C-alpha atoms as a PDB file:
ATOM      1  CA  MET A   1      80.541 114.790 181.360  1.00  0.00           C
ATOM      2  CA  ASP A   2      80.520 112.491 178.485  1.00  0.00           C
ATOM      3  CA  VAL A   3      77.919 112.689 175.879  1.00  0.00           C
ATOM      4  CA  PRO A   4      77.105 109.084 174.681  1.00  0.00           C
ATOM      5  CA  LEU A   5      78.784 108.474 171.318  1.00  0.00           C
ATOM      6  CA  ALA A   6      76.067 106.067 169.941  1.00  0.00           C
ATOM      7  CA  PRO A   7      73.195 108.431 169.797  1.00  0.00           C
ATOM      8  CA  VAL A   8      75.357 111.087 168.380  1.00  0.00           C
ATOM      9  CA  LYS A   9      76.475 108.687 165.602  1.00  0.00           C
ATOM     10  CA  ARG A  10      72.699 107.705 164.914  1.00  0.00           C
ATOM     11  CA  PHE A  11      71.794 111.320 164.596  1.00  0.00           C
ATOM     12  CA  MET A  12      74.535 112.077 162.256  1.00  0.00           C
ATOM     13  CA  ARG A  13      73.734 109.017 160.020  1.00  0.00           C
ATOM     14  CA  LYS A  14      70.308 110.300 159.438  1.00  0.00           C
ATOM     15  CA  PHE A  15      71.680 112.581 156.831  1.00  0.00           C
ATOM     16  CA  GLY A  16      72.517 109.687 154.645  1.00  0.00           C
ATOM     17  CA  LEU A  17      76.359 109.443 154.798  1.00  0.00           C
ATOM     18  CA  ARG A  18      78.839 107.302 156.690  1.00  0.00           C
ATOM     19  CA  VAL A  19      80.325 109.027 159.734  1.00  0.00           C
ATOM     20  CA  SER A  20      83.813 108.243 160.934  1.00  0.00           C
ATOM     21  CA  GLU A  21      84.591 107.672 164.652  1.00  0.00           C
ATOM     22  CA  SER A  22      86.624 110.997 164.678  1.00  0.00           C
ATOM     23  CA  ALA A  23      83.729 112.974 163.358  1.00  0.00           C
ATOM     24  CA  VAL A  24      81.428 111.420 165.928  1.00  0.00           C
ATOM     25  CA  LYS A  25      83.871 112.255 168.721  1.00  0.00           C
ATOM     26  CA  GLU A  26      84.379 115.815 167.487  1.00  0.00           C
ATOM     27  CA  PHE A  27      80.624 116.533 167.330  1.00  0.00           C
ATOM     28  CA  ALA A  28      80.122 114.938 170.898  1.00  0.00           C
ATOM     29  CA  GLU A  29      82.811 117.216 172.153  1.00  0.00           C
ATOM     30  CA  PHE A  30      81.164 120.226 170.666  1.00  0.00           C
ATOM     31  CA  LEU A  31      77.814 119.126 171.943  1.00  0.00           C
ATOM     32  CA  GLU A  32      79.319 118.966 175.502  1.00  0.00           C
ATOM     33  CA  GLU A  33      80.763 122.493 175.170  1.00  0.00           C
ATOM     34  CA  ILE A  34      77.314 123.788 174.213  1.00  0.00           C
ATOM     35  CA  LEU A  35      75.608 121.918 176.974  1.00  0.00           C
ATOM     36  CA  PHE A  36      77.868 123.261 179.619  1.00  0.00           C
ATOM     37  CA  ASP A  37      77.625 126.926 178.342  1.00  0.00           C
ATOM     38  CA  ILE A  38      73.867 126.766 178.178  1.00  0.00           C
ATOM     39  CA  SER A  39      73.520 124.975 181.536  1.00  0.00           C
ATOM     40  CA  SER A  40      75.923 127.391 183.317  1.00  0.00           C
ATOM     41  CA  GLU A  41      73.948 130.287 182.047  1.00  0.00           C
ATOM     42  CA  ALA A  42      70.573 128.862 182.964  1.00  0.00           C
ATOM     43  CA  ILE A  43      71.873 128.095 186.507  1.00  0.00           C
ATOM     44  CA  SER A  44      73.008 131.495 186.869  1.00  0.00           C
ATOM     45  CA  ILE A  45      69.691 132.946 185.781  1.00  0.00           C
ATOM     46  CA  ALA A  46      67.726 130.636 188.248  1.00  0.00           C
ATOM     47  CA  LYS A  47      70.171 131.730 191.080  1.00  0.00           C
ATOM     48  CA  LEU A  48      69.680 135.287 190.187  1.00  0.00           C
ATOM     49  CA  SER A  49      65.964 134.723 190.489  1.00  0.00           C
ATOM     50  CA  LYS A  50      66.463 133.115 193.943  1.00  0.00           C
ATOM     51  CA  ARG A  51      65.195 129.745 192.702  1.00  0.00           C
ATOM     52  CA  LYS A  52      66.667 126.237 193.119  1.00  0.00           C
ATOM     53  CA  THR A  53      64.903 124.900 190.132  1.00  0.00           C
ATOM     54  CA  VAL A  54      66.071 125.680 186.439  1.00  0.00           C
ATOM     55  CA  THR A  55      63.143 126.223 184.034  1.00  0.00           C
ATOM     56  CA  GLY A  56      62.559 125.993 180.396  1.00  0.00           C
ATOM     57  CA  GLU A  57      62.441 129.759 180.398  1.00  0.00           C
ATOM     58  CA  ASP A  58      65.795 129.861 181.971  1.00  0.00           C
ATOM     59  CA  VAL A  59      67.258 127.765 179.164  1.00  0.00           C
ATOM     60  CA  ARG A  60      65.548 129.738 176.599  1.00  0.00           C
ATOM     61  CA  LEU A  61      67.013 132.983 178.163  1.00  0.00           C
ATOM     62  CA  ALA A  62      70.435 131.409 178.362  1.00  0.00           C
ATOM     63  CA  ARG A  63      70.434 130.442 174.798  1.00  0.00           C
ATOM     64  CA  LYS A  64      69.261 134.005 173.788  1.00  0.00           C
ATOM     65  CA  ARG A  65      71.997 135.528 175.891  1.00  0.00           C
ATOM     66  CA  LEU A  66      74.610 133.230 174.461  1.00  0.00           C
ATOM     67  CA  GLY A  67      73.279 133.861 170.879  1.00  0.00           C
ATOM     68  CA  LEU A  68      72.359 130.313 170.277  1.00  0.00           C
END
């Protein structure tokens, strides 16, 4: 999975500073890790509930379990 860099850069620039390409890449990599962790946990929660659909509540519970 690859988080698109352009939206990450636009988001980071909202704080009023220039942003290096290496900073954008590092931040995107960090976001990918978080997305993977939350997604995996939310999928596990849905499967334990014997569902094929991940819900917003699964995502909230996953974030809570992961301390995010």
